[in-house]
Amino acid sequence: MPRLDFQLDRSHIELNQLLKLAGVCDSGGAGKALVAAGKVRVDGAVERRKTCKIRADQVVVAGDAEIHVQAEDSP
């Protein structure tokens, strides 16, 4: 499973936007569809809220991608 490190430049990002900006989906709408289908996990639990707030230190798994969200100043 490929690991993607996403640098968060604000306090949070909506889940569907994270999927788009990390390159997992082509659009926010595609990200919403993926979440609605129950194919996205946040910190190990299935997440069905399309605009769930994702913060630094959370891990999102969608398909074969594992996105590690980091604060912008993290190494």
N, C-alpha and C. Protein backbone atom coordinates (compact mmCIF):
# COMPACT_ATOMS: atom_id res chain seq x y z
N MET A 1 0.84 -1.17 0.00
CA MET A 1 0.00 0.00 0.00
C MET A 1 0.89 1.24 0.00
N PRO A 2 0.74 2.10 -1.02
CA PRO A 2 1.58 3.30 -1.06
C PRO A 2 1.22 4.28 0.05
N ARG A 3 2.25 4.85 0.65
CA ARG A 3 2.07 5.85 1.71
C ARG A 3 2.22 7.23 1.09
N LEU A 4 1.25 8.08 1.36
CA LEU A 4 1.29 9.46 0.91
C LEU A 4 1.36 10.35 2.14
N ASP A 5 2.30 11.26 2.18
CA ASP A 5 2.39 12.23 3.27
C ASP A 5 1.77 13.53 2.79
N PHE A 6 0.75 13.98 3.47
CA PHE A 6 0.04 15.22 3.10
C PHE A 6 0.34 16.28 4.14
N GLN A 7 0.89 17.40 3.70
CA GLN A 7 1.22 18.52 4.58
C GLN A 7 0.00 19.44 4.71
N LEU A 8 -0.54 19.53 5.90
CA LEU A 8 -1.72 20.33 6.18
C LEU A 8 -1.30 21.75 6.52
N ASP A 9 -1.79 22.73 5.77
CA ASP A 9 -1.38 24.13 5.98
C ASP A 9 -2.43 24.95 6.72
N ARG A 10 -3.38 24.27 7.35
CA ARG A 10 -4.45 24.92 8.13
C ARG A 10 -4.88 23.98 9.25
N SER A 11 -5.89 24.33 10.00
CA SER A 11 -6.27 23.49 11.15
C SER A 11 -6.91 22.17 10.73
N HIS A 12 -7.60 22.15 9.59
CA HIS A 12 -8.25 20.92 9.11
C HIS A 12 -8.53 21.01 7.62
N ILE A 13 -8.91 19.88 7.05
CA ILE A 13 -9.34 19.82 5.65
C ILE A 13 -10.49 18.84 5.57
N GLU A 14 -11.46 19.12 4.71
CA GLU A 14 -12.59 18.21 4.55
C GLU A 14 -12.11 16.95 3.86
N LEU A 15 -12.67 15.82 4.26
CA LEU A 15 -12.23 14.53 3.76
C LEU A 15 -12.26 14.44 2.25
N ASN A 16 -13.36 14.86 1.61
CA ASN A 16 -13.45 14.76 0.15
C ASN A 16 -12.38 15.61 -0.54
N GLN A 17 -12.04 16.76 0.04
CA GLN A 17 -10.99 17.61 -0.53
C GLN A 17 -9.61 17.00 -0.34
N LEU A 18 -9.39 16.36 0.80
CA LEU A 18 -8.12 15.68 1.03
C LEU A 18 -7.90 14.60 -0.03
N LEU A 19 -8.93 13.82 -0.30
CA LEU A 19 -8.81 12.75 -1.29
C LEU A 19 -8.44 13.32 -2.66
N LYS A 20 -9.03 14.46 -2.99
CA LYS A 20 -8.72 15.11 -4.27
C LYS A 20 -7.29 15.65 -4.28
N LEU A 21 -6.91 16.41 -3.25
CA LEU A 21 -5.59 17.04 -3.23
C LEU A 21 -4.45 16.04 -3.08
N ALA A 22 -4.72 14.90 -2.46
CA ALA A 22 -3.71 13.86 -2.32
C ALA A 22 -3.57 13.03 -3.60
N GLY A 23 -4.48 13.25 -4.56
CA GLY A 23 -4.40 12.54 -5.83
C GLY A 23 -5.08 11.18 -5.85
N VAL A 24 -5.87 10.88 -4.81
CA VAL A 24 -6.59 9.60 -4.77
C VAL A 24 -7.78 9.64 -5.71
N CYS A 25 -8.41 10.82 -5.85
CA CYS A 25 -9.57 11.02 -6.72
C CYS A 25 -9.30 12.20 -7.65
N ASP A 26 -10.04 12.22 -8.76
CA ASP A 26 -9.88 13.31 -9.73
C ASP A 26 -10.60 14.59 -9.31
N SER A 27 -11.63 14.45 -8.45
CA SER A 27 -12.42 15.61 -8.06
C SER A 27 -12.98 15.42 -6.66
N GLY A 28 -13.47 16.52 -6.09
CA GLY A 28 -14.12 16.43 -4.79
C GLY A 28 -15.37 15.57 -4.86
N GLY A 29 -16.07 15.63 -5.99
CA GLY A 29 -17.27 14.81 -6.18
C GLY A 29 -16.95 13.33 -6.20
N ALA A 30 -15.84 12.97 -6.82
CA ALA A 30 -15.41 11.57 -6.84
C ALA A 30 -15.03 11.14 -5.43
N GLY A 31 -14.44 12.05 -4.66
CA GLY A 31 -14.10 11.76 -3.27
C GLY A 31 -15.35 11.52 -2.45
N LYS A 32 -16.39 12.34 -2.67
CA LYS A 32 -17.66 12.16 -1.96
C LYS A 32 -18.27 10.80 -2.27
N ALA A 33 -18.20 10.38 -3.54
CA ALA A 33 -18.75 9.08 -3.94
C ALA A 33 -17.99 7.94 -3.27
N LEU A 34 -16.69 8.06 -3.18
CA LEU A 34 -15.87 7.03 -2.54
C LEU A 34 -16.22 6.91 -1.06
N VAL A 35 -16.41 8.05 -0.40
CA VAL A 35 -16.78 8.04 1.02
C VAL A 35 -18.18 7.45 1.19
N ALA A 36 -19.12 7.87 0.34
CA ALA A 36 -20.50 7.38 0.43
C ALA A 36 -20.58 5.86 0.24
N ALA A 37 -19.66 5.31 -0.54
CA ALA A 37 -19.63 3.87 -0.79
C ALA A 37 -19.00 3.09 0.37
N GLY A 38 -18.53 3.80 1.39
CA GLY A 38 -17.93 3.14 2.55
C GLY A 38 -16.53 2.62 2.29
N LYS A 39 -15.82 3.21 1.34
CA LYS A 39 -14.50 2.74 0.96
C LYS A 39 -13.36 3.57 1.52
N VAL A 40 -13.67 4.40 2.53
CA VAL A 40 -12.64 5.25 3.13
C VAL A 40 -12.63 5.02 4.64
N ARG A 41 -11.43 4.86 5.18
CA ARG A 41 -11.27 4.69 6.62
C ARG A 41 -10.43 5.85 7.16
N VAL A 42 -10.84 6.33 8.33
CA VAL A 42 -10.08 7.37 9.03
C VAL A 42 -9.68 6.79 10.37
N ASP A 43 -8.39 6.71 10.61
CA ASP A 43 -7.87 6.12 11.85
C ASP A 43 -8.45 4.73 12.10
N GLY A 44 -8.61 3.95 11.03
CA GLY A 44 -9.05 2.57 11.14
C GLY A 44 -10.55 2.33 11.09
N ALA A 45 -11.37 3.37 11.18
CA ALA A 45 -12.82 3.22 11.18
C ALA A 45 -13.41 3.75 9.87
N VAL A 46 -14.41 3.05 9.34
CA VAL A 46 -15.08 3.52 8.12
C VAL A 46 -15.70 4.88 8.41
N GLU A 47 -15.47 5.81 7.51
CA GLU A 47 -16.00 7.18 7.65
C GLU A 47 -16.97 7.44 6.52
N ARG A 48 -18.20 7.79 6.84
CA ARG A 48 -19.22 8.05 5.82
C ARG A 48 -19.60 9.53 5.71
N ARG A 49 -18.99 10.39 6.54
CA ARG A 49 -19.25 11.83 6.44
C ARG A 49 -18.30 12.41 5.40
N LYS A 50 -18.84 12.84 4.30
CA LYS A 50 -18.02 13.30 3.17
C LYS A 50 -17.17 14.52 3.52
N THR A 51 -17.68 15.37 4.39
CA THR A 51 -16.95 16.59 4.73
C THR A 51 -16.40 16.53 6.16
N CYS A 52 -16.15 15.34 6.63
CA CYS A 52 -15.53 15.13 7.94
C CYS A 52 -14.24 15.95 8.01
N LYS A 53 -13.99 16.61 9.13
CA LYS A 53 -12.78 17.41 9.29
C LYS A 53 -11.60 16.50 9.62
N ILE A 54 -10.61 16.52 8.77
CA ILE A 54 -9.39 15.74 8.98
C ILE A 54 -8.31 16.69 9.48
N ARG A 55 -7.66 16.27 10.55
CA ARG A 55 -6.64 17.11 11.20
C ARG A 55 -5.27 16.42 11.16
N ALA A 56 -4.25 17.14 11.54
CA ALA A 56 -2.89 16.59 11.57
C ALA A 56 -2.86 15.34 12.45
N ASP A 57 -2.00 14.41 12.08
CA ASP A 57 -1.76 13.15 12.79
C ASP A 57 -2.83 12.10 12.54
N GLN A 58 -3.77 12.35 11.64
CA GLN A 58 -4.75 11.32 11.30
C GLN A 58 -4.26 10.56 10.08
N VAL A 59 -4.75 9.32 9.94
CA VAL A 59 -4.39 8.47 8.81
C VAL A 59 -5.68 8.11 8.07
N VAL A 60 -5.68 8.36 6.77
CA VAL A 60 -6.83 8.07 5.93
C VAL A 60 -6.43 7.00 4.93
N VAL A 61 -7.23 5.94 4.83
CA VAL A 61 -6.99 4.87 3.86
C VAL A 61 -8.13 4.87 2.86
N ALA A 62 -7.78 4.97 1.59
CA ALA A 62 -8.77 4.95 0.51
C ALA A 62 -8.19 4.11 -0.62
N GLY A 63 -8.88 3.03 -0.94
CA GLY A 63 -8.36 2.14 -1.97
C GLY A 63 -7.04 1.57 -1.52
N ASP A 64 -6.02 1.71 -2.34
CA ASP A 64 -4.70 1.18 -1.98
C ASP A 64 -3.76 2.26 -1.45
N ALA A 65 -4.31 3.46 -1.18
CA ALA A 65 -3.48 4.57 -0.69
C ALA A 65 -3.68 4.80 0.80
N GLU A 66 -2.58 5.06 1.49
CA GLU A 66 -2.62 5.39 2.92
C GLU A 66 -2.07 6.80 3.05
N ILE A 67 -2.94 7.74 3.45
CA ILE A 67 -2.57 9.15 3.54
C ILE A 67 -2.29 9.51 5.00
N HIS A 68 -1.08 9.95 5.27
CA HIS A 68 -0.69 10.39 6.61
C HIS A 68 -0.72 11.92 6.60
N VAL A 69 -1.62 12.47 7.37
CA VAL A 69 -1.79 13.94 7.42
C VAL A 69 -0.85 14.49 8.49
N GLN A 70 -0.06 15.45 8.08
CA GLN A 70 0.94 16.05 8.99
C GLN A 70 0.79 17.55 9.03
N ALA A 71 1.07 18.13 10.17
CA ALA A 71 1.11 19.58 10.27
C ALA A 71 2.22 20.09 9.37
N GLU A 72 2.06 21.24 8.81
CA GLU A 72 3.03 21.77 7.84
C GLU A 72 4.45 21.86 8.40
N ASP A 73 4.58 22.07 9.70
CA ASP A 73 5.91 22.20 10.28
C ASP A 73 6.50 20.87 10.76
N SER A 74 5.78 19.75 10.52
CA SER A 74 6.31 18.42 10.91
C SER A 74 7.37 17.97 9.93
N PRO A 75 8.32 17.14 10.37
CA PRO A 75 9.36 16.65 9.47
C PRO A 75 8.81 15.68 8.45
